[in-house]
Amino acid sequence: GCCGLQLYNFGETVSIVFWTDTWKPESFF
């Protein structure tokens, strides 16, 4: 919330993982 965005306006939190040459998941998108 320090950035000024209101906490109750947030939806589901996601994790963005490091891609590799053979593994590039997009489910977080």
mmCIF file of all heavy atoms, coordinates in Angstrom:
data_MODEL
# 
_entry.id   MODEL 
# 
loop_
_atom_site.group_PDB 
_atom_site.id 
_atom_site.type_symbol 
_atom_site.label_atom_id 
_atom_site.label_alt_id 
_atom_site.label_comp_id 
_atom_site.label_asym_id 
_atom_site.label_entity_id 
_atom_site.label_seq_id 
_atom_site.pdbx_PDB_ins_code 
_atom_site.Cartn_x 
_atom_site.Cartn_y 
_atom_site.Cartn_z 
_atom_site.occupancy 
_atom_site.B_iso_or_equiv 
_atom_site.pdbx_formal_charge 
_atom_site.auth_seq_id 
_atom_site.auth_comp_id 
_atom_site.auth_asym_id 
_atom_site.auth_atom_id 
_atom_site.pdbx_PDB_model_num 
ATOM 1   N N   . GLY A 1 1  ? 0.803   -1.214  0.000   1.00 0.00 ? 1  GLY A N   1 
ATOM 2   C CA  . GLY A 1 1  ? 0.000   0.000   0.000   1.00 0.00 ? 1  GLY A CA  1 
ATOM 3   C C   . GLY A 1 1  ? 0.841   1.272   0.000   1.00 0.00 ? 1  GLY A C   1 
ATOM 4   O O   . GLY A 1 1  ? 0.313   2.365   -0.250  1.00 0.00 ? 1  GLY A O   1 
ATOM 5   N N   . CYS A 1 2  ? 2.151   1.154   0.244   1.00 0.00 ? 2  CYS A N   1 
ATOM 6   C CA  . CYS A 1 2  ? 3.039   2.321   0.263   1.00 0.00 ? 2  CYS A CA  1 
ATOM 7   C C   . CYS A 1 2  ? 3.091   3.041   -1.080  1.00 0.00 ? 2  CYS A C   1 
ATOM 8   O O   . CYS A 1 2  ? 3.471   4.216   -1.143  1.00 0.00 ? 2  CYS A O   1 
ATOM 9   C CB  . CYS A 1 2  ? 4.458   1.907   0.674   1.00 0.00 ? 2  CYS A CB  1 
ATOM 10  S SG  . CYS A 1 2  ? 5.288   0.789   -0.493  1.00 0.00 ? 2  CYS A SG  1 
ATOM 11  N N   . CYS A 1 3  ? 2.694   2.355   -2.154  1.00 0.00 ? 3  CYS A N   1 
ATOM 12  C CA  . CYS A 1 3  ? 2.732   2.982   -3.479  1.00 0.00 ? 3  CYS A CA  1 
ATOM 13  C C   . CYS A 1 3  ? 1.493   3.839   -3.738  1.00 0.00 ? 3  CYS A C   1 
ATOM 14  O O   . CYS A 1 3  ? 1.424   4.551   -4.744  1.00 0.00 ? 3  CYS A O   1 
ATOM 15  C CB  . CYS A 1 3  ? 2.890   1.934   -4.577  1.00 0.00 ? 3  CYS A CB  1 
ATOM 16  S SG  . CYS A 1 3  ? 1.420   0.919   -4.832  1.00 0.00 ? 3  CYS A SG  1 
ATOM 17  N N   . GLY A 1 4  ? 0.509   3.768   -2.855  1.00 0.00 ? 4  GLY A N   1 
ATOM 18  C CA  . GLY A 1 4  ? -0.675  4.596   -3.002  1.00 0.00 ? 4  GLY A CA  1 
ATOM 19  C C   . GLY A 1 4  ? -1.890  3.886   -3.564  1.00 0.00 ? 4  GLY A C   1 
ATOM 20  O O   . GLY A 1 4  ? -2.975  4.469   -3.624  1.00 0.00 ? 4  GLY A O   1 
ATOM 21  N N   . LEU A 1 5  ? -1.731  2.631   -3.975  1.00 0.00 ? 5  LEU A N   1 
ATOM 22  C CA  . LEU A 1 5  ? -2.879  1.859   -4.443  1.00 0.00 ? 5  LEU A CA  1 
ATOM 23  C C   . LEU A 1 5  ? -3.632  1.314   -3.234  1.00 0.00 ? 5  LEU A C   1 
ATOM 24  O O   . LEU A 1 5  ? -3.028  0.869   -2.261  1.00 0.00 ? 5  LEU A O   1 
ATOM 25  C CB  . LEU A 1 5  ? -2.428  0.716   -5.349  1.00 0.00 ? 5  LEU A CB  1 
ATOM 26  C CG  . LEU A 1 5  ? -1.757  1.135   -6.660  1.00 0.00 ? 5  LEU A CG  1 
ATOM 27  C CD1 . LEU A 1 5  ? -1.322  -0.092  -7.454  1.00 0.00 ? 5  LEU A CD1 1 
ATOM 28  C CD2 . LEU A 1 5  ? -2.674  2.008   -7.502  1.00 0.00 ? 5  LEU A CD2 1 
ATOM 29  N N   . GLN A 1 6  ? -4.954  1.355   -3.297  1.00 0.00 ? 6  GLN A N   1 
ATOM 30  C CA  . GLN A 1 6  ? -5.772  0.981   -2.153  1.00 0.00 ? 6  GLN A CA  1 
ATOM 31  C C   . GLN A 1 6  ? -5.871  -0.540  -2.048  1.00 0.00 ? 6  GLN A C   1 
ATOM 32  O O   . GLN A 1 6  ? -6.206  -1.221  -3.010  1.00 0.00 ? 6  GLN A O   1 
ATOM 33  C CB  . GLN A 1 6  ? -7.155  1.631   -2.302  1.00 0.00 ? 6  GLN A CB  1 
ATOM 34  C CG  . GLN A 1 6  ? -7.055  3.155   -2.278  1.00 0.00 ? 6  GLN A CG  1 
ATOM 35  C CD  . GLN A 1 6  ? -8.306  3.859   -2.754  1.00 0.00 ? 6  GLN A CD  1 
ATOM 36  O OE1 . GLN A 1 6  ? -9.359  3.251   -2.902  1.00 0.00 ? 6  GLN A OE1 1 
ATOM 37  N NE2 . GLN A 1 6  ? -8.198  5.162   -2.986  1.00 0.00 ? 6  GLN A NE2 1 
ATOM 38  N N   . LEU A 1 7  ? -5.597  -1.057  -0.866  1.00 0.00 ? 7  LEU A N   1 
ATOM 39  C CA  . LEU A 1 7  ? -5.474  -2.503  -0.674  1.00 0.00 ? 7  LEU A CA  1 
ATOM 40  C C   . LEU A 1 7  ? -6.736  -3.263  -1.038  1.00 0.00 ? 7  LEU A C   1 
ATOM 41  O O   . LEU A 1 7  ? -6.673  -4.391  -1.527  1.00 0.00 ? 7  LEU A O   1 
ATOM 42  C CB  . LEU A 1 7  ? -5.072  -2.812  0.773   1.00 0.00 ? 7  LEU A CB  1 
ATOM 43  C CG  . LEU A 1 7  ? -3.664  -2.362  1.189   1.00 0.00 ? 7  LEU A CG  1 
ATOM 44  C CD1 . LEU A 1 7  ? -3.414  -2.704  2.648   1.00 0.00 ? 7  LEU A CD1 1 
ATOM 45  C CD2 . LEU A 1 7  ? -2.600  -3.010  0.305   1.00 0.00 ? 7  LEU A CD2 1 
ATOM 46  N N   . TYR A 1 8  ? -7.900  -2.690  -0.796  1.00 0.00 ? 8  TYR A N   1 
ATOM 47  C CA  . TYR A 1 8  ? -9.135  -3.418  -1.086  1.00 0.00 ? 8  TYR A CA  1 
ATOM 48  C C   . TYR A 1 8  ? -9.450  -3.438  -2.584  1.00 0.00 ? 8  TYR A C   1 
ATOM 49  O O   . TYR A 1 8  ? -10.457 -4.013  -2.999  1.00 0.00 ? 8  TYR A O   1 
ATOM 50  C CB  . TYR A 1 8  ? -10.315 -2.867  -0.281  1.00 0.00 ? 8  TYR A CB  1 
ATOM 51  C CG  . TYR A 1 8  ? -10.525 -1.375  -0.356  1.00 0.00 ? 8  TYR A CG  1 
ATOM 52  C CD1 . TYR A 1 8  ? -11.128 -0.784  -1.462  1.00 0.00 ? 8  TYR A CD1 1 
ATOM 53  C CD2 . TYR A 1 8  ? -10.130 -0.561  0.697   1.00 0.00 ? 8  TYR A CD2 1 
ATOM 54  C CE1 . TYR A 1 8  ? -11.328 0.582   -1.526  1.00 0.00 ? 8  TYR A CE1 1 
ATOM 55  C CE2 . TYR A 1 8  ? -10.326 0.819   0.645   1.00 0.00 ? 8  TYR A CE2 1 
ATOM 56  C CZ  . TYR A 1 8  ? -10.926 1.382   -0.472  1.00 0.00 ? 8  TYR A CZ  1 
ATOM 57  O OH  . TYR A 1 8  ? -11.124 2.735   -0.536  1.00 0.00 ? 8  TYR A OH  1 
ATOM 58  N N   . ASN A 1 9  ? -8.585  -2.811  -3.403  1.00 0.00 ? 9  ASN A N   1 
ATOM 59  C CA  . ASN A 1 9  ? -8.764  -2.864  -4.857  1.00 0.00 ? 9  ASN A CA  1 
ATOM 60  C C   . ASN A 1 9  ? -7.876  -3.914  -5.509  1.00 0.00 ? 9  ASN A C   1 
ATOM 61  O O   . ASN A 1 9  ? -7.742  -3.949  -6.732  1.00 0.00 ? 9  ASN A O   1 
ATOM 62  C CB  . ASN A 1 9  ? -8.466  -1.497  -5.484  1.00 0.00 ? 9  ASN A CB  1 
ATOM 63  C CG  . ASN A 1 9  ? -9.555  -0.480  -5.191  1.00 0.00 ? 9  ASN A CG  1 
ATOM 64  O OD1 . ASN A 1 9  ? -10.677 -0.855  -4.846  1.00 0.00 ? 9  ASN A OD1 1 
ATOM 65  N ND2 . ASN A 1 9  ? -9.237  0.792   -5.297  1.00 0.00 ? 9  ASN A ND2 1 
ATOM 66  N N   . PHE A 1 10 ? -7.258  -4.769  -4.684  1.00 0.00 ? 10 PHE A N   1 
ATOM 67  C CA  . PHE A 1 10 ? -6.392  -5.820  -5.224  1.00 0.00 ? 10 PHE A CA  1 
ATOM 68  C C   . PHE A 1 10 ? -7.167  -7.121  -5.389  1.00 0.00 ? 10 PHE A C   1 
ATOM 69  O O   . PHE A 1 10 ? -7.988  -7.480  -4.548  1.00 0.00 ? 10 PHE A O   1 
ATOM 70  C CB  . PHE A 1 10 ? -5.195  -6.066  -4.297  1.00 0.00 ? 10 PHE A CB  1 
ATOM 71  C CG  . PHE A 1 10 ? -4.066  -5.087  -4.487  1.00 0.00 ? 10 PHE A CG  1 
ATOM 72  C CD1 . PHE A 1 10 ? -4.141  -3.808  -3.927  1.00 0.00 ? 10 PHE A CD1 1 
ATOM 73  C CD2 . PHE A 1 10 ? -2.944  -5.428  -5.215  1.00 0.00 ? 10 PHE A CD2 1 
ATOM 74  C CE1 . PHE A 1 10 ? -3.122  -2.889  -4.097  1.00 0.00 ? 10 PHE A CE1 1 
ATOM 75  C CE2 . PHE A 1 10 ? -1.909  -4.517  -5.382  1.00 0.00 ? 10 PHE A CE2 1 
ATOM 76  C CZ  . PHE A 1 10 ? -1.993  -3.247  -4.832  1.00 0.00 ? 10 PHE A CZ  1 
ATOM 77  N N   . GLY A 1 11 ? -6.878  -7.828  -6.478  1.00 0.00 ? 11 GLY A N   1 
ATOM 78  C CA  . GLY A 1 11 ? -7.440  -9.153  -6.703  1.00 0.00 ? 11 GLY A CA  1 
ATOM 79  C C   . GLY A 1 11 ? -6.454  -10.219 -6.255  1.00 0.00 ? 11 GLY A C   1 
ATOM 80  O O   . GLY A 1 11 ? -5.640  -9.994  -5.351  1.00 0.00 ? 11 GLY A O   1 
ATOM 81  N N   . GLU A 1 12 ? -6.510  -11.375 -6.909  1.00 0.00 ? 12 GLU A N   1 
ATOM 82  C CA  . GLU A 1 12 ? -5.640  -12.499 -6.548  1.00 0.00 ? 12 GLU A CA  1 
ATOM 83  C C   . GLU A 1 12 ? -4.171  -12.167 -6.781  1.00 0.00 ? 12 GLU A C   1 
ATOM 84  O O   . GLU A 1 12 ? -3.794  -11.618 -7.816  1.00 0.00 ? 12 GLU A O   1 
ATOM 85  C CB  . GLU A 1 12 ? -6.026  -13.731 -7.374  1.00 0.00 ? 12 GLU A CB  1 
ATOM 86  C CG  . GLU A 1 12 ? -5.222  -14.972 -7.032  1.00 0.00 ? 12 GLU A CG  1 
ATOM 87  C CD  . GLU A 1 12 ? -5.673  -16.202 -7.811  1.00 0.00 ? 12 GLU A CD  1 
ATOM 88  O OE1 . GLU A 1 12 ? -6.655  -16.087 -8.573  1.00 0.00 ? 12 GLU A OE1 1 
ATOM 89  O OE2 . GLU A 1 12 ? -5.035  -17.255 -7.664  1.00 0.00 ? 12 GLU A OE2 1 
ATOM 90  N N   . THR A 1 13 ? -3.330  -12.481 -5.805  1.00 0.00 ? 13 THR A N   1 
ATOM 91  C CA  . THR A 1 13 ? -1.883  -12.314 -5.935  1.00 0.00 ? 13 THR A CA  1 
ATOM 92  C C   . THR A 1 13 ? -1.312  -13.437 -6.794  1.00 0.00 ? 13 THR A C   1 
ATOM 93  O O   . THR A 1 13 ? -1.771  -14.583 -6.723  1.00 0.00 ? 13 THR A O   1 
ATOM 94  C CB  . THR A 1 13 ? -1.223  -12.326 -4.546  1.00 0.00 ? 13 THR A CB  1 
ATOM 95  O OG1 . THR A 1 13 ? -1.747  -11.243 -3.775  1.00 0.00 ? 13 THR A OG1 1 
ATOM 96  C CG2 . THR A 1 13 ? 0.285   -12.198 -4.632  1.00 0.00 ? 13 THR A CG2 1 
ATOM 97  N N   . VAL A 1 14 ? -0.303  -13.116 -7.612  1.00 0.00 ? 14 VAL A N   1 
ATOM 98  C CA  . VAL A 1 14 ? 0.311   -14.135 -8.455  1.00 0.00 ? 14 VAL A CA  1 
ATOM 99  C C   . VAL A 1 14 ? 1.816   -14.171 -8.226  1.00 0.00 ? 14 VAL A C   1 
ATOM 100 O O   . VAL A 1 14 ? 2.405   -13.219 -7.710  1.00 0.00 ? 14 VAL A O   1 
ATOM 101 C CB  . VAL A 1 14 ? 0.036   -13.889 -9.962  1.00 0.00 ? 14 VAL A CB  1 
ATOM 102 C CG1 . VAL A 1 14 ? -1.453  -13.773 -10.237 1.00 0.00 ? 14 VAL A CG1 1 
ATOM 103 C CG2 . VAL A 1 14 ? 0.785   -12.658 -10.468 1.00 0.00 ? 14 VAL A CG2 1 
ATOM 104 N N   . SER A 1 15 ? 2.419   -15.279 -8.610  1.00 0.00 ? 15 SER A N   1 
ATOM 105 C CA  . SER A 1 15 ? 3.875   -15.416 -8.603  1.00 0.00 ? 15 SER A CA  1 
ATOM 106 C C   . SER A 1 15 ? 4.353   -15.516 -10.045 1.00 0.00 ? 15 SER A C   1 
ATOM 107 O O   . SER A 1 15 ? 3.796   -16.285 -10.829 1.00 0.00 ? 15 SER A O   1 
ATOM 108 C CB  . SER A 1 15 ? 4.300   -16.668 -7.827  1.00 0.00 ? 15 SER A CB  1 
ATOM 109 O OG  . SER A 1 15 ? 3.950   -16.555 -6.466  1.00 0.00 ? 15 SER A OG  1 
ATOM 110 N N   . ILE A 1 16 ? 5.380   -14.743 -10.380 1.00 0.00 ? 16 ILE A N   1 
ATOM 111 C CA  . ILE A 1 16 ? 5.989   -14.823 -11.709 1.00 0.00 ? 16 ILE A CA  1 
ATOM 112 C C   . ILE A 1 16 ? 7.323   -15.539 -11.557 1.00 0.00 ? 16 ILE A C   1 
ATOM 113 O O   . ILE A 1 16 ? 8.200   -15.087 -10.813 1.00 0.00 ? 16 ILE A O   1 
ATOM 114 C CB  . ILE A 1 16 ? 6.184   -13.429 -12.329 1.00 0.00 ? 16 ILE A CB  1 
ATOM 115 C CG1 . ILE A 1 16 ? 4.829   -12.740 -12.507 1.00 0.00 ? 16 ILE A CG1 1 
ATOM 116 C CG2 . ILE A 1 16 ? 6.909   -13.531 -13.673 1.00 0.00 ? 16 ILE A CG2 1 
ATOM 117 C CD1 . ILE A 1 16 ? 4.900   -11.363 -13.140 1.00 0.00 ? 16 ILE A CD1 1 
ATOM 118 N N   . VAL A 1 17 ? 7.461   -16.663 -12.241 1.00 0.00 ? 17 VAL A N   1 
ATOM 119 C CA  . VAL A 1 17 ? 8.649   -17.502 -12.103 1.00 0.00 ? 17 VAL A CA  1 
ATOM 120 C C   . VAL A 1 17 ? 9.643   -17.241 -13.232 1.00 0.00 ? 17 VAL A C   1 
ATOM 121 O O   . VAL A 1 17 ? 9.282   -16.751 -14.298 1.00 0.00 ? 17 VAL A O   1 
ATOM 122 C CB  . VAL A 1 17 ? 8.271   -18.997 -12.093 1.00 0.00 ? 17 VAL A CB  1 
ATOM 123 C CG1 . VAL A 1 17 ? 7.373   -19.317 -10.908 1.00 0.00 ? 17 VAL A CG1 1 
ATOM 124 C CG2 . VAL A 1 17 ? 7.587   -19.389 -13.406 1.00 0.00 ? 17 VAL A CG2 1 
ATOM 125 N N   . PHE A 1 18 ? 10.905  -17.562 -12.973 1.00 0.00 ? 18 PHE A N   1 
ATOM 126 C CA  . PHE A 1 18 ? 11.926  -17.477 -14.009 1.00 0.00 ? 18 PHE A CA  1 
ATOM 127 C C   . PHE A 1 18 ? 11.609  -18.475 -15.121 1.00 0.00 ? 18 PHE A C   1 
ATOM 128 O O   . PHE A 1 18 ? 11.370  -19.657 -14.866 1.00 0.00 ? 18 PHE A O   1 
ATOM 129 C CB  . PHE A 1 18 ? 13.304  -17.836 -13.436 1.00 0.00 ? 18 PHE A CB  1 
ATOM 130 C CG  . PHE A 1 18 ? 13.990  -16.728 -12.702 1.00 0.00 ? 18 PHE A CG  1 
ATOM 131 C CD1 . PHE A 1 18 ? 14.208  -16.822 -11.339 1.00 0.00 ? 18 PHE A CD1 1 
ATOM 132 C CD2 . PHE A 1 18 ? 14.441  -15.597 -13.370 1.00 0.00 ? 18 PHE A CD2 1 
ATOM 133 C CE1 . PHE A 1 18 ? 14.862  -15.807 -10.650 1.00 0.00 ? 18 PHE A CE1 1 
ATOM 134 C CE2 . PHE A 1 18 ? 15.093  -14.583 -12.696 1.00 0.00 ? 18 PHE A CE2 1 
ATOM 135 C CZ  . PHE A 1 18 ? 15.304  -14.686 -11.333 1.00 0.00 ? 18 PHE A CZ  1 
ATOM 136 N N   . TRP A 1 19 ? 11.613  -18.021 -16.353 1.00 0.00 ? 19 TRP A N   1 
ATOM 137 C CA  . TRP A 1 19 ? 11.494  -18.922 -17.489 1.00 0.00 ? 19 TRP A CA  1 
ATOM 138 C C   . TRP A 1 19 ? 12.826  -19.592 -17.775 1.00 0.00 ? 19 TRP A C   1 
ATOM 139 O O   . TRP A 1 19 ? 13.891  -19.061 -17.445 1.00 0.00 ? 19 TRP A O   1 
ATOM 140 C CB  . TRP A 1 19 ? 11.058  -18.145 -18.734 1.00 0.00 ? 19 TRP A CB  1 
ATOM 141 C CG  . TRP A 1 19 ? 9.589   -17.873 -18.797 1.00 0.00 ? 19 TRP A CG  1 
ATOM 142 C CD1 . TRP A 1 19 ? 8.623   -18.315 -17.956 1.00 0.00 ? 19 TRP A CD1 1 
ATOM 143 C CD2 . TRP A 1 19 ? 8.923   -17.069 -19.788 1.00 0.00 ? 19 TRP A CD2 1 
ATOM 144 N NE1 . TRP A 1 19 ? 7.384   -17.851 -18.350 1.00 0.00 ? 19 TRP A NE1 1 
ATOM 145 C CE2 . TRP A 1 19 ? 7.538   -17.091 -19.463 1.00 0.00 ? 19 TRP A CE2 1 
ATOM 146 C CE3 . TRP A 1 19 ? 9.353   -16.343 -20.904 1.00 0.00 ? 19 TRP A CE3 1 
ATOM 147 C CZ2 . TRP A 1 19 ? 6.595   -16.405 -20.228 1.00 0.00 ? 19 TRP A CZ2 1 
ATOM 148 C CZ3 . TRP A 1 19 ? 8.408   -15.668 -21.659 1.00 0.00 ? 19 TRP A CZ3 1 
ATOM 149 C CH2 . TRP A 1 19 ? 7.053   -15.695 -21.332 1.00 0.00 ? 19 TRP A CH2 1 
ATOM 150 N N   . THR A 1 20 ? 12.756  -20.760 -18.391 1.00 0.00 ? 20 THR A N   1 
ATOM 151 C CA  . THR A 1 20 ? 13.952  -21.429 -18.907 1.00 0.00 ? 20 THR A CA  1 
ATOM 152 C C   . THR A 1 20 ? 13.764  -21.620 -20.414 1.00 0.00 ? 20 THR A C   1 
ATOM 153 O O   . THR A 1 20 ? 12.721  -21.273 -20.965 1.00 0.00 ? 20 THR A O   1 
ATOM 154 C CB  . THR A 1 20 ? 14.161  -22.796 -18.232 1.00 0.00 ? 20 THR A CB  1 
ATOM 155 O OG1 . THR A 1 20 ? 13.120  -23.705 -18.655 1.00 0.00 ? 20 THR A OG1 1 
ATOM 156 C CG2 . THR A 1 20 ? 14.134  -22.679 -16.707 1.00 0.00 ? 20 THR A CG2 1 
ATOM 157 N N   . ASP A 1 21 ? 14.747  -22.190 -21.045 1.00 0.00 ? 21 ASP A N   1 
ATOM 158 C CA  . ASP A 1 21 ? 14.654  -22.429 -22.488 1.00 0.00 ? 21 ASP A CA  1 
ATOM 159 C C   . ASP A 1 21 ? 13.530  -23.400 -22.834 1.00 0.00 ? 21 ASP A C   1 
ATOM 160 O O   . ASP A 1 21 ? 12.944  -23.337 -23.915 1.00 0.00 ? 21 ASP A O   1 
ATOM 161 C CB  . ASP A 1 21 ? 15.991  -22.975 -23.037 1.00 0.00 ? 21 ASP A CB  1 
ATOM 162 C CG  . ASP A 1 21 ? 17.093  -21.934 -22.986 1.00 0.00 ? 21 ASP A CG  1 
ATOM 163 O OD1 . ASP A 1 21 ? 16.752  -20.726 -22.956 1.00 0.00 ? 21 ASP A OD1 1 
ATOM 164 O OD2 . ASP A 1 21 ? 18.277  -22.316 -22.955 1.00 0.00 ? 21 ASP A OD2 1 
ATOM 165 N N   . THR A 1 22 ? 13.221  -24.294 -21.886 1.00 0.00 ? 22 THR A N   1 
ATOM 166 C CA  . THR A 1 22 ? 12.240  -25.349 -22.172 1.00 0.00 ? 22 THR A CA  1 
ATOM 167 C C   . THR A 1 22 ? 10.957  -25.234 -21.350 1.00 0.00 ? 22 THR A C   1 
ATOM 168 O O   . THR A 1 22 ? 10.048  -26.043 -21.509 1.00 0.00 ? 22 THR A O   1 
ATOM 169 C CB  . THR A 1 22 ? 12.865  -26.736 -21.903 1.00 0.00 ? 22 THR A CB  1 
ATOM 170 O OG1 . THR A 1 22 ? 13.319  -26.787 -20.538 1.00 0.00 ? 22 THR A OG1 1 
ATOM 171 C CG2 . THR A 1 22 ? 14.049  -26.983 -22.830 1.00 0.00 ? 22 THR A CG2 1 
ATOM 172 N N   . TRP A 1 23 ? 10.873  -24.248 -20.475 1.00 0.00 ? 23 TRP A N   1 
ATOM 173 C CA  . TRP A 1 23 ? 9.706   -24.117 -19.580 1.00 0.00 ? 23 TRP A CA  1 
ATOM 174 C C   . TRP A 1 23 ? 9.315   -22.650 -19.466 1.00 0.00 ? 23 TRP A C   1 
ATOM 175 O O   . TRP A 1 23 ? 10.017  -21.854 -18.852 1.00 0.00 ? 23 TRP A O   1 
ATOM 176 C CB  . TRP A 1 23 ? 10.038  -24.689 -18.204 1.00 0.00 ? 23 TRP A CB  1 
ATOM 177 C CG  . TRP A 1 23 ? 8.866   -24.766 -17.262 1.00 0.00 ? 23 TRP A CG  1 
ATOM 178 C CD1 . TRP A 1 23 ? 7.715   -25.467 -17.427 1.00 0.00 ? 23 TRP A CD1 1 
ATOM 179 C CD2 . TRP A 1 23 ? 8.753   -24.091 -15.992 1.00 0.00 ? 23 TRP A CD2 1 
ATOM 180 N NE1 . TRP A 1 23 ? 6.884   -25.287 -16.335 1.00 0.00 ? 23 TRP A NE1 1 
ATOM 181 C CE2 . TRP A 1 23 ? 7.489   -24.452 -15.448 1.00 0.00 ? 23 TRP A CE2 1 
ATOM 182 C CE3 . TRP A 1 23 ? 9.589   -23.248 -15.274 1.00 0.00 ? 23 TRP A CE3 1 
ATOM 183 C CZ2 . TRP A 1 23 ? 7.059   -23.989 -14.217 1.00 0.00 ? 23 TRP A CZ2 1 
ATOM 184 C CZ3 . TRP A 1 23 ? 9.152   -22.775 -14.038 1.00 0.00 ? 23 TRP A CZ3 1 
ATOM 185 C CH2 . TRP A 1 23 ? 7.895   -23.155 -13.518 1.00 0.00 ? 23 TRP A CH2 1 
ATOM 186 N N   . LYS A 1 24 ? 8.199   -22.292 -20.087 1.00 0.00 ? 24 LYS A N   1 
ATOM 187 C CA  . LYS A 1 24 ? 7.747   -20.906 -20.094 1.00 0.00 ? 24 LYS A CA  1 
ATOM 188 C C   . LYS A 1 24 ? 6.244   -20.839 -19.778 1.00 0.00 ? 24 LYS A C   1 
ATOM 189 O O   . LYS A 1 24 ? 5.415   -20.600 -20.649 1.00 0.00 ? 24 LYS A O   1 
ATOM 190 C CB  . LYS A 1 24 ? 8.038   -20.261 -21.450 1.00 0.00 ? 24 LYS A CB  1 
ATOM 191 C CG  . LYS A 1 24 ? 9.530   -20.180 -21.765 1.00 0.00 ? 24 LYS A CG  1 
ATOM 192 C CD  . LYS A 1 24 ? 9.805   -19.455 -23.076 1.00 0.00 ? 24 LYS A CD  1 
ATOM 193 C CE  . LYS A 1 24 ? 11.300  -19.362 -23.315 1.00 0.00 ? 24 LYS A CE  1 
ATOM 194 N NZ  . LYS A 1 24 ? 11.635  -18.625 -24.550 1.00 0.00 ? 24 LYS A NZ  1 
ATOM 195 N N   . PRO A 1 25 ? 5.895   -21.075 -18.517 1.00 0.00 ? 25 PRO A N   1 
ATOM 196 C CA  . PRO A 1 25 ? 4.473   -21.071 -18.128 1.00 0.00 ? 25 PRO A CA  1 
ATOM 197 C C   . PRO A 1 25 ? 3.858   -19.680 -18.266 1.00 0.00 ? 25 PRO A C   1 
ATOM 198 O O   . PRO A 1 25 ? 4.533   -18.658 -18.110 1.00 0.00 ? 25 PRO A O   1 
ATOM 199 C CB  . PRO A 1 25 ? 4.519   -21.529 -16.670 1.00 0.00 ? 25 PRO A CB  1 
ATOM 200 C CG  . PRO A 1 25 ? 5.871   -21.109 -16.185 1.00 0.00 ? 25 PRO A CG  1 
ATOM 201 C CD  . PRO A 1 25 ? 6.784   -21.290 -17.363 1.00 0.00 ? 25 PRO A CD  1 
ATOM 202 N N   . GLU A 1 26 ? 2.541   -19.662 -18.560 1.00 0.00 ? 26 GLU A N   1 
ATOM 203 C CA  . GLU A 1 26 ? 1.825   -18.400 -18.725 1.00 0.00 ? 26 GLU A CA  1 
ATOM 204 C C   . GLU A 1 26 ? 0.593   -18.308 -17.834 1.00 0.00 ? 26 GLU A C   1 
ATOM 205 O O   . GLU A 1 26 ? -0.189  -17.365 -17.949 1.00 0.00 ? 26 GLU A O   1 
ATOM 206 C CB  . GLU A 1 26 ? 1.397   -18.232 -20.194 1.00 0.00 ? 26 GLU A CB  1 
ATOM 207 C CG  . GLU A 1 26 ? 2.556   -18.179 -21.182 1.00 0.00 ? 26 GLU A CG  1 
ATOM 208 C CD  . GLU A 1 26 ? 2.092   -17.882 -22.603 1.00 0.00 ? 26 GLU A CD  1 
ATOM 209 O OE1 . GLU A 1 26 ? 0.861   -17.713 -22.811 1.00 0.00 ? 26 GLU A OE1 1 
ATOM 210 O OE2 . GLU A 1 26 ? 2.943   -17.820 -23.507 1.00 0.00 ? 26 GLU A OE2 1 
ATOM 211 N N   . SER A 1 27 ? 0.412   -19.263 -16.937 1.00 0.00 ? 27 SER A N   1 
ATOM 212 C CA  . SER A 1 27 ? -0.821  -19.311 -16.141 1.00 0.00 ? 27 SER A CA  1 
ATOM 213 C C   . SER A 1 27 ? -1.019  -18.059 -15.292 1.00 0.00 ? 27 SER A C   1 
ATOM 214 O O   . SER A 1 27 ? -2.160  -17.631 -15.060 1.00 0.00 ? 27 SER A O   1 
ATOM 215 C CB  . SER A 1 27 ? -0.824  -20.560 -15.252 1.00 0.00 ? 27 SER A CB  1 
ATOM 216 O OG  . SER A 1 27 ? 0.325   -20.585 -14.420 1.00 0.00 ? 27 SER A OG  1 
ATOM 217 N N   . PHE A 1 28 ? 0.075   -17.454 -14.838 1.00 0.00 ? 28 PHE A N   1 
ATOM 218 C CA  . PHE A 1 28 ? -0.057  -16.247 -14.024 1.00 0.00 ? 28 PHE A CA  1 
ATOM 219 C C   . PHE A 1 28 ? -0.669  -15.097 -14.833 1.00 0.00 ? 28 PHE A C   1 
ATOM 220 O O   . PHE A 1 28 ? -1.357  -14.243 -14.275 1.00 0.00 ? 28 PHE A O   1 
ATOM 221 C CB  . PHE A 1 28 ? 1.295   -15.818 -13.438 1.00 0.00 ? 28 PHE A CB  1 
ATOM 222 C CG  . PHE A 1 28 ? 2.398   -15.618 -14.450 1.00 0.00 ? 28 PHE A CG  1 
ATOM 223 C CD1 . PHE A 1 28 ? 2.525   -14.419 -15.132 1.00 0.00 ? 28 PHE A CD1 1 
ATOM 224 C CD2 . PHE A 1 28 ? 3.317   -16.626 -14.690 1.00 0.00 ? 28 PHE A CD2 1 
ATOM 225 C CE1 . PHE A 1 28 ? 3.541   -14.212 -16.048 1.00 0.00 ? 28 PHE A CE1 1 
ATOM 226 C CE2 . PHE A 1 28 ? 4.337   -16.443 -15.604 1.00 0.00 ? 28 PHE A CE2 1 
ATOM 227 C CZ  . PHE A 1 28 ? 4.450   -15.234 -16.296 1.00 0.00 ? 28 PHE A CZ  1 
ATOM 228 N N   . PHE A 1 29 ? -0.434  -15.097 -16.135 1.00 0.00 ? 29 PHE A N   1 
ATOM 229 C CA  . PHE A 1 29 ? -0.982  -14.048 -16.995 1.00 0.00 ? 29 PHE A CA  1 
ATOM 230 C C   . PHE A 1 29 ? -2.510  -14.126 -17.037 1.00 0.00 ? 29 PHE A C   1 
ATOM 231 O O   . PHE A 1 29 ? -3.197  -13.093 -17.060 1.00 0.00 ? 29 PHE A O   1 
ATOM 232 C CB  . PHE A 1 29 ? -0.410  -14.172 -18.406 1.00 0.00 ? 29 PHE A CB  1 
ATOM 233 C CG  . PHE A 1 29 ? -0.756  -13.022 -19.318 1.00 0.00 ? 29 PHE A CG  1 
ATOM 234 C CD1 . PHE A 1 29 ? -0.030  -11.843 -19.283 1.00 0.00 ? 29 PHE A CD1 1 
ATOM 235 C CD2 . PHE A 1 29 ? -1.810  -13.112 -20.200 1.00 0.00 ? 29 PHE A CD2 1 
ATOM 236 C CE1 . PHE A 1 29 ? -0.353  -10.766 -20.106 1.00 0.00 ? 29 PHE A CE1 1 
ATOM 237 C CE2 . PHE A 1 29 ? -2.147  -12.056 -21.036 1.00 0.00 ? 29 PHE A CE2 1 
ATOM 238 C CZ  . PHE A 1 29 ? -1.413  -10.881 -20.980 1.00 0.00 ? 29 PHE A CZ  1 
# 
